[in-house]
Amino acid sequence: MNKKILFVDDEEKILHGMQRSLYSFRNEYDMFFELSGKDALDLLEKEKIDLVISDMRMPEMNGLQLLEKIRELYPEIVRIILSGYSDKEMILKSIELTHQYLSKPCDIEVLKNAIKKAFEIRDILKQEDLRVILSQLKTIPSMPGLYLKLLGELSVEKVSLENIIKIIASDLGMSAKILQIANSHFFGIKKGIGNIEEAVSILGLDVIKSLVLSIDIFDKFDSALVPDFSISKLLDHSITCAKIAKQIAVYEKKDKIFINNSFEAGMLHDIGILIIAANLPEKYNEINKIVNENKINLSEAEIKVLNATHSEVGAYLAKLWGLPDDIFEAIAFHHNPSQCSSKEFSILTVVHVANYLFYEKYSGKEDFFKISLDNDYIERVGIRQKIEEWKDFSIDE
């Protein structure tokens, strides 16, 4: 059965233009075209739609109002805004309701790629209940101390961009959300943005202030619901892996983008753990209990409880939010990179090894917590001897 796409725009010429441009997709997708939010909602009562692509500025019911209704009634639907509307504050508010933002005029290849990626994500995470939760996710909670530090930094008269970058780069939730926004096509960037320094520079301080102080896209993590979860320990692990991954990239003389993206992928590789703890606290507590009682690793326990792993949860969100493919791959396959089709030395390579070296060098956990190297992958990429050299790295810098 074909997957179904609904396009909503009050300009009939634009809908006809998209229909012509996407003619080659007719055998892959069933496409519906509606001129108003009301007509779109009427259609949704009859058809099980997988993806909605809506204009922002429409009479009677605008794009945000439509997508808010869709999120409430049909949370499993992937939501994309395609608009030439230039009100920056309204666009930033759309971040809570949309998974991606494409600006008009939109190159047809960009639109086709966005559609293809929207459907790829369903293959990442099979469990519809988890997809619904992630589709409704507005943000990822932040470390309380870092969140308050960011608020304080933004409240001073002369804000330091360097300090803002450091704070955001030190936090999982802030990093992921800022990367999502920076990768929005509204900002005119066609290449994937995979590091916080570049993302914050593109957005600028005015946008960052608006996001934090007005739109409130960041939130503090509530540890009371998950007493056995330590966000600070997860953050320490993430930062350490990020530093090791970056050191490997520098040692191998990779370019600046590869080096910066290696750090960010190392930061975000376990973000699925935070998503599970924050949104499914009872399930997380059950997972943690199984790990400790049965002496099995985290992924095995997650499959028992959720029928999915934190890698799949994090990768689903990374793809849903349009993060660069190399970041997505590192999150999705950091435990089992041989499942990725790539045979080249990549950011996935450095994150997989960094994660392994962390548990070898810095973790005092029992053996059942240890992370193993994917030997098939190590041989395929040809880095067995290199790992011996990388073991000497220090992260005290």
Protein backbone atom coordinates (compact mmCIF):
# COMPACT_ATOMS: atom_id res chain seq x y z
CA MET A 1 0.00 0.00 0.00
CA ASN A 2 1.36 3.42 -0.99
CA LYS A 3 2.22 5.95 1.68
CA LYS A 4 0.05 9.06 1.65
CA ILE A 5 1.02 12.74 1.51
CA LEU A 6 -1.29 15.71 2.04
CA PHE A 7 -0.30 19.12 0.62
CA VAL A 8 -2.16 22.18 1.92
CA ASP A 9 -1.89 25.63 0.31
CA ASP A 10 -4.48 28.33 -0.37
CA GLU A 11 -2.93 29.13 -3.78
CA GLU A 12 -4.27 26.75 -6.41
CA LYS A 13 -1.43 27.50 -8.83
CA ILE A 14 1.14 26.39 -6.26
CA LEU A 15 -0.68 23.11 -5.64
CA HIS A 16 -0.91 22.44 -9.38
CA GLY A 17 2.78 23.24 -9.72
CA MET A 18 3.71 20.76 -6.99
CA GLN A 19 1.44 18.16 -8.53
CA ARG A 20 3.25 18.49 -11.87
CA SER A 21 6.71 18.57 -10.29
CA LEU A 22 6.02 15.45 -8.20
CA TYR A 23 4.46 13.50 -11.06
CA SER A 24 7.34 11.01 -10.97
CA PHE A 25 6.30 10.10 -7.40
CA ARG A 26 2.81 8.97 -8.46
CA ASN A 27 3.67 5.25 -8.25
CA GLU A 28 5.35 5.59 -4.83
CA TYR A 29 2.92 7.83 -2.96
CA ASP A 30 -0.77 8.71 -2.96
CA MET A 31 -0.86 12.51 -2.97
CA PHE A 32 -3.75 14.73 -1.90
CA PHE A 33 -4.00 18.49 -2.44
CA GLU A 34 -6.28 20.77 -0.38
CA LEU A 35 -6.83 24.55 -0.48
CA SER A 36 -7.63 25.14 3.22
CA GLY A 37 -7.03 23.85 6.71
CA LYS A 38 -10.71 22.92 7.04
CA ASP A 39 -10.61 20.83 3.86
CA ALA A 40 -7.41 19.20 5.09
CA LEU A 41 -9.03 18.18 8.38
CA ASP A 42 -12.07 16.84 6.53
CA LEU A 43 -9.77 14.68 4.40
CA LEU A 44 -7.91 13.41 7.46
CA GLU A 45 -11.16 12.00 8.81
CA LYS A 46 -11.37 9.77 5.71
CA GLU A 47 -7.75 8.98 4.83
CA LYS A 48 -4.85 7.72 6.94
CA ILE A 49 -2.20 10.29 5.98
CA ASP A 50 1.49 9.74 6.76
CA LEU A 51 2.92 13.19 5.95
CA VAL A 52 1.42 16.70 5.86
CA ILE A 53 3.19 19.56 4.06
CA SER A 54 1.40 22.84 4.72
CA ASP A 55 1.77 26.51 3.83
CA MET A 56 2.04 28.89 6.79
CA ARG A 57 -0.10 31.88 5.79
CA MET A 58 -3.65 30.86 4.88
CA PRO A 59 -7.03 32.54 5.57
CA GLU A 60 -9.37 31.33 8.33
CA MET A 61 -6.95 28.66 9.58
CA ASN A 62 -3.21 29.27 9.17
CA GLY A 63 -0.56 26.58 8.93
CA LEU A 64 0.30 26.65 12.62
CA GLN A 65 -3.33 26.28 13.67
CA LEU A 66 -3.74 23.38 11.25
CA LEU A 67 -0.62 21.58 12.42
CA GLU A 68 -1.52 22.12 16.08
CA LYS A 69 -4.86 20.41 15.40
CA ILE A 70 -3.12 17.62 13.50
CA ARG A 71 -0.63 17.07 16.34
CA GLU A 72 -3.55 16.81 18.77
CA LEU A 73 -5.72 14.48 16.67
CA TYR A 74 -3.16 12.58 14.57
CA PRO A 75 0.17 12.77 16.44
CA GLU A 76 1.79 10.02 14.34
CA ILE A 77 1.72 12.20 11.18
CA VAL A 78 5.01 13.83 10.18
CA ARG A 79 4.50 17.60 9.88
CA ILE A 80 6.42 19.93 7.54
CA ILE A 81 5.87 23.64 6.85
CA LEU A 82 6.55 24.84 3.29
CA SER A 83 6.13 28.60 3.20
CA GLY A 84 7.43 31.91 1.96
CA TYR A 85 6.16 33.64 5.08
CA SER A 86 8.97 35.74 6.53
CA ASP A 87 7.78 36.66 10.04
CA LYS A 88 10.70 35.29 12.03
CA GLU A 89 8.88 35.16 15.36
CA MET A 90 5.98 33.20 13.87
CA ILE A 91 8.41 30.83 12.17
CA LEU A 92 10.27 30.22 15.41
CA LYS A 93 6.97 29.46 17.14
CA SER A 94 6.33 26.85 14.44
CA ILE A 95 9.29 24.88 15.77
CA GLU A 96 7.10 23.46 18.54
CA LEU A 97 4.60 22.13 16.00
CA THR A 98 6.65 21.15 12.98
CA HIS A 99 9.39 18.62 12.43
CA GLN A 100 10.96 20.56 9.56
CA TYR A 101 10.58 23.95 7.88
CA LEU A 102 11.13 24.43 4.14
CA SER A 103 11.05 27.91 2.63
CA LYS A 104 9.52 29.01 -0.65
CA PRO A 105 10.58 29.07 -3.37
CA CYS A 106 11.68 25.50 -2.65
CA ASP A 107 13.88 23.63 -5.09
CA ILE A 108 11.94 20.55 -6.17
CA GLU A 109 14.89 18.27 -5.38
CA VAL A 110 14.97 19.63 -1.83
CA LEU A 111 11.26 18.91 -1.49
CA LYS A 112 11.64 15.40 -2.93
CA ASN A 113 14.53 14.70 -0.57
CA ALA A 114 12.51 15.92 2.43
CA ILE A 115 9.65 13.61 1.45
CA LYS A 116 11.93 10.60 1.02
CA LYS A 117 13.60 11.22 4.38
CA ALA A 118 10.24 11.64 6.10
CA PHE A 119 9.33 8.11 5.10
CA GLU A 120 12.75 6.65 5.82
CA ILE A 121 12.30 7.43 9.50
CA ARG A 122 9.45 4.93 9.86
CA ASP A 123 11.88 2.14 9.06
CA ILE A 124 14.12 3.23 11.93
CA LEU A 125 11.56 2.76 14.69
CA LYS A 126 8.83 0.16 14.18
CA GLN A 127 6.86 0.80 17.38
CA GLU A 128 4.02 3.22 16.58
CA ASP A 129 3.49 4.15 20.24
CA LEU A 130 7.08 5.39 20.47
CA ARG A 131 6.77 7.24 17.15
CA VAL A 132 3.70 9.03 18.49
CA ILE A 133 5.57 10.15 21.61
CA LEU A 134 8.54 11.42 19.60
CA SER A 135 6.32 13.12 17.03
CA GLN A 136 4.74 15.16 19.84
CA LEU A 137 8.08 16.03 21.43
CA LYS A 138 8.62 19.80 21.58
CA THR A 139 12.11 19.71 23.05
CA ILE A 140 14.55 17.60 25.04
CA PRO A 141 15.07 18.58 28.70
CA SER A 142 18.33 20.19 29.70
CA MET A 143 20.65 19.90 32.66
CA PRO A 144 19.08 22.27 35.24
CA GLY A 145 22.36 23.97 36.11
CA LEU A 146 23.24 24.62 32.45
CA TYR A 147 19.72 25.84 31.69
CA LEU A 148 19.91 28.40 34.52
CA LYS A 149 23.42 29.36 33.44
CA LEU A 150 22.16 30.06 29.93
CA LEU A 151 19.32 32.19 31.28
CA GLY A 152 21.81 34.16 33.35
CA GLU A 153 24.17 34.64 30.42
CA LEU A 154 21.37 35.95 28.20
CA SER A 155 20.16 38.41 30.85
CA VAL A 156 23.39 40.45 31.04
CA GLU A 157 23.70 43.67 29.08
CA LYS A 158 26.63 42.52 26.92
CA VAL A 159 26.01 38.90 25.94
CA SER A 160 29.04 36.81 24.99
CA LEU A 161 28.43 34.64 21.90
CA GLU A 162 31.40 32.50 22.91
CA ASN A 163 29.87 31.77 26.32
CA ILE A 164 26.49 30.96 24.77
CA ILE A 165 28.14 28.47 22.40
CA LYS A 166 30.01 26.81 25.28
CA ILE A 167 26.86 26.39 27.39
CA ILE A 168 24.72 25.01 24.57
CA ALA A 169 27.50 22.71 23.36
CA SER A 170 27.75 21.26 26.88
CA ASP A 171 24.13 20.11 26.99
CA LEU A 172 22.38 17.29 25.09
CA GLY A 173 18.91 18.80 24.88
CA MET A 174 20.02 22.30 23.90
CA SER A 175 22.47 20.95 21.31
CA ALA A 176 19.87 18.77 19.59
CA LYS A 177 17.23 21.51 19.43
CA ILE A 178 19.62 24.19 18.16
CA LEU A 179 20.84 21.83 15.42
CA GLN A 180 17.25 21.14 14.39
CA ILE A 181 16.53 24.86 14.05
CA ALA A 182 19.79 25.65 12.26
CA ASN A 183 19.07 22.92 9.72
CA SER A 184 15.74 24.54 8.87
CA HIS A 185 15.75 25.76 5.26
CA PHE A 186 14.22 29.03 6.47
CA PHE A 187 17.74 30.16 7.28
CA GLY A 188 18.88 29.54 3.70
CA ILE A 189 21.45 26.89 4.54
CA LYS A 190 21.45 23.98 2.11
CA LYS A 191 24.29 21.98 3.64
CA GLY A 192 23.82 20.05 6.86
CA ILE A 193 24.88 21.91 10.02
CA GLY A 194 26.41 19.43 12.45
CA ASN A 195 28.13 21.52 15.13
CA ILE A 196 26.96 24.08 17.65
CA GLU A 197 29.48 26.84 16.91
CA GLU A 198 28.29 27.08 13.32
CA ALA A 199 24.62 26.65 14.30
CA VAL A 200 24.66 29.46 16.89
CA SER A 201 26.57 31.74 14.51
CA ILE A 202 23.95 31.18 11.81
CA LEU A 203 21.00 31.76 14.13
CA GLY A 204 22.51 34.77 15.88
CA LEU A 205 21.95 36.05 19.40
CA ASP A 206 18.55 37.63 18.70
CA VAL A 207 17.11 34.28 17.61
CA ILE A 208 18.74 32.45 20.54
CA LYS A 209 17.28 35.00 22.97
CA SER A 210 13.84 34.66 21.44
CA LEU A 211 13.99 30.87 21.59
CA VAL A 212 15.03 30.80 25.23
CA LEU A 213 13.26 33.79 26.75
CA SER A 214 10.06 34.11 24.68
CA ILE A 215 9.30 30.80 22.97
CA ASP A 216 10.84 28.76 25.79
CA ILE A 217 12.05 25.80 23.72
CA PHE A 218 14.37 24.59 26.48
CA ASP A 219 13.22 23.04 29.72
CA LYS A 220 14.82 21.69 32.89
CA PHE A 221 14.99 17.95 33.48
CA ASP A 222 12.77 16.73 36.34
CA SER A 223 14.82 14.08 38.15
CA ALA A 224 12.08 13.30 40.69
CA LEU A 225 10.29 10.98 38.25
CA VAL A 226 13.38 8.87 37.56
CA PRO A 227 15.43 8.69 40.78
CA ASP A 228 17.81 6.07 39.35
CA PHE A 229 18.71 8.21 36.35
CA SER A 230 21.56 10.71 36.56
CA ILE A 231 21.52 13.31 33.81
CA SER A 232 24.90 14.57 35.01
CA LYS A 233 26.49 11.11 34.57
CA LEU A 234 25.02 10.82 31.09
CA LEU A 235 26.34 14.26 30.28
CA ASP A 236 29.82 13.40 31.61
CA HIS A 237 29.84 10.25 29.45
CA SER A 238 28.66 12.20 26.40
CA ILE A 239 31.23 14.97 26.79
CA THR A 240 34.04 12.47 27.31
CA CYS A 241 33.05 10.50 24.20
CA ALA A 242 32.78 13.76 22.27
CA LYS A 243 36.32 14.76 23.27
CA ILE A 244 37.76 11.35 22.37
CA ALA A 245 35.94 11.34 19.02
CA LYS A 246 37.28 14.81 18.25
CA GLN A 247 40.83 13.79 19.22
CA ILE A 248 40.67 10.80 16.88
CA ALA A 249 39.49 13.05 14.04
CA VAL A 250 42.28 15.56 14.71
CA TYR A 251 44.89 12.78 14.95
CA GLU A 252 43.74 11.41 11.59
CA LYS A 253 44.07 14.90 10.07
CA LYS A 254 40.43 15.25 9.07
CA ASP A 255 38.97 18.58 7.95
CA LYS A 256 37.34 21.10 10.28
CA ILE A 257 33.75 20.04 9.50
CA PHE A 258 34.58 16.37 10.17
CA ILE A 259 36.32 17.29 13.43
CA ASN A 260 33.49 19.51 14.70
CA ASN A 261 30.80 17.04 13.66
CA SER A 262 32.71 14.24 15.40
CA PHE A 263 32.45 16.15 18.66
CA GLU A 264 28.73 16.79 18.20
CA ALA A 265 27.98 13.19 17.22
CA GLY A 266 29.88 12.05 20.32
CA MET A 267 27.73 14.38 22.41
CA LEU A 268 24.46 13.15 20.94
CA HIS A 269 25.10 9.42 20.45
CA ASP A 270 23.22 8.43 23.63
CA ILE A 271 20.51 11.08 23.47
CA GLY A 272 17.92 8.31 23.19
CA ILE A 273 18.59 7.44 26.84
CA LEU A 274 17.62 10.96 27.90
CA ILE A 275 14.52 10.89 25.69
CA ILE A 276 13.35 7.62 27.26
CA ALA A 277 14.06 8.78 30.82
CA ALA A 278 12.30 12.12 30.31
CA ASN A 279 9.25 10.88 28.43
CA LEU A 280 8.81 7.31 29.69
CA PRO A 281 10.06 7.45 33.29
CA GLU A 282 8.23 4.28 34.37
CA LYS A 283 9.64 2.36 31.42
CA TYR A 284 13.13 3.71 32.15
CA ASN A 285 12.88 2.60 35.79
CA GLU A 286 11.82 -0.86 34.62
CA ILE A 287 14.73 -1.01 32.17
CA ASN A 288 17.19 0.01 34.88
CA LYS A 289 15.81 -2.63 37.24
CA ILE A 290 16.24 -5.36 34.60
CA VAL A 291 19.82 -4.26 33.88
CA ASN A 292 20.83 -4.50 37.53
CA GLU A 293 18.90 -7.65 38.43
CA ASN A 294 19.69 -9.70 35.31
CA LYS A 295 23.18 -8.31 34.68
CA ILE A 296 22.52 -7.61 31.01
CA ASN A 297 23.50 -4.57 28.98
CA LEU A 298 21.23 -1.58 28.50
CA SER A 299 20.18 -2.30 24.91
CA GLU A 300 19.05 -5.83 25.79
CA ALA A 301 16.92 -4.52 28.65
CA GLU A 302 15.44 -1.79 26.43
CA ILE A 303 14.34 -4.38 23.87
CA LYS A 304 12.65 -6.42 26.63
CA VAL A 305 10.67 -3.39 27.81
CA LEU A 306 10.24 -1.22 24.70
CA ASN A 307 11.04 -3.57 21.84
CA ALA A 308 13.42 -0.81 20.76
CA THR A 309 16.81 0.55 21.84
CA HIS A 310 17.95 4.02 22.82
CA SER A 311 19.96 4.09 19.57
CA GLU A 312 16.77 3.66 17.53
CA VAL A 313 14.89 6.24 19.59
CA GLY A 314 17.66 8.83 19.23
CA ALA A 315 18.16 8.09 15.52
CA TYR A 316 14.44 8.45 14.82
CA LEU A 317 14.40 11.91 16.36
CA ALA A 318 17.62 12.92 14.56
CA LYS A 319 16.08 11.97 11.22
CA LEU A 320 12.72 13.53 12.09
CA TRP A 321 14.41 16.83 12.93
CA GLY A 322 16.56 16.81 9.79
CA LEU A 323 19.97 16.53 11.46
CA PRO A 324 22.87 15.74 9.08
CA ASP A 325 23.22 12.14 7.92
CA ASP A 326 26.62 11.62 9.58
CA ILE A 327 25.16 12.62 12.96
CA PHE A 328 22.17 10.35 12.36
CA GLU A 329 24.42 7.38 11.49
CA ALA A 330 26.55 7.85 14.60
CA ILE A 331 23.45 7.87 16.82
CA ALA A 332 21.77 4.95 15.03
CA PHE A 333 24.73 2.57 14.75
CA HIS A 334 27.21 3.51 17.49
CA HIS A 335 26.86 0.05 19.08
CA ASN A 336 26.69 -1.97 15.86
CA PRO A 337 28.25 0.02 12.99
CA SER A 338 28.47 -3.09 10.76
CA GLN A 339 24.70 -2.63 10.24
CA CYS A 340 25.46 0.63 8.43
CA SER A 341 26.20 0.28 4.71
CA SER A 342 29.22 2.60 4.85
CA LYS A 343 32.63 0.95 4.44
CA GLU A 344 34.63 4.15 4.81
CA PHE A 345 36.29 5.76 7.83
CA SER A 346 33.57 8.12 9.04
CA ILE A 347 32.15 9.99 12.00
CA LEU A 348 30.39 6.76 12.92
CA THR A 349 33.83 5.14 13.16
CA VAL A 350 35.23 7.65 15.64
CA VAL A 351 32.07 7.66 17.79
CA HIS A 352 31.93 3.84 17.95
CA VAL A 353 35.56 3.67 19.02
CA ALA A 354 35.25 6.64 21.40
CA ASN A 355 32.32 4.95 23.14
CA TYR A 356 34.37 1.75 23.48
CA LEU A 357 37.44 3.61 24.79
CA PHE A 358 35.35 5.43 27.38
CA TYR A 359 34.30 2.15 28.98
CA GLU A 360 37.82 0.77 28.68
CA LYS A 361 39.53 3.76 30.26
CA TYR A 362 37.09 5.77 32.36
CA SER A 363 34.26 3.53 33.50
CA GLY A 364 34.35 1.55 36.73
CA LYS A 365 31.23 -0.40 35.77
CA GLU A 366 30.92 -4.16 35.99
CA ASP A 367 31.67 -6.33 32.96
CA PHE A 368 28.04 -6.50 31.84
CA PHE A 369 28.12 -2.72 31.28
CA LYS A 370 31.16 -2.91 29.04
CA ILE A 371 30.84 -1.94 25.39
CA SER A 372 32.45 -4.23 22.81
CA LEU A 373 33.99 -3.29 19.51
CA ASP A 374 32.13 -4.41 16.40
CA ASN A 375 34.96 -6.58 15.07
CA ASP A 376 33.42 -7.12 11.62
CA TYR A 377 33.20 -3.37 11.18
CA ILE A 378 36.70 -2.75 12.54
CA GLU A 379 38.13 -5.18 9.98
CA ARG A 380 35.98 -3.76 7.19
CA VAL A 381 37.23 -0.23 7.78
CA GLY A 382 40.77 -1.42 8.53
CA ILE A 383 41.45 0.39 11.81
CA ARG A 384 42.50 -2.44 14.14
CA GLN A 385 46.04 -1.12 14.56
CA LYS A 386 44.86 2.47 14.75
CA ILE A 387 42.79 1.74 17.86
CA GLU A 388 45.97 0.81 19.73
CA GLU A 389 47.35 4.28 18.94
CA TRP A 390 44.11 6.02 19.92
CA LYS A 391 44.06 4.30 23.34
CA ASP A 392 46.76 6.68 24.54
CA PHE A 393 44.58 9.77 24.16
CA SER A 394 43.79 11.81 27.25
CA ILE A 395 40.62 13.87 27.65
CA ASP A 396 41.92 16.12 30.39
CA GLU A 397 42.43 19.02 28.03
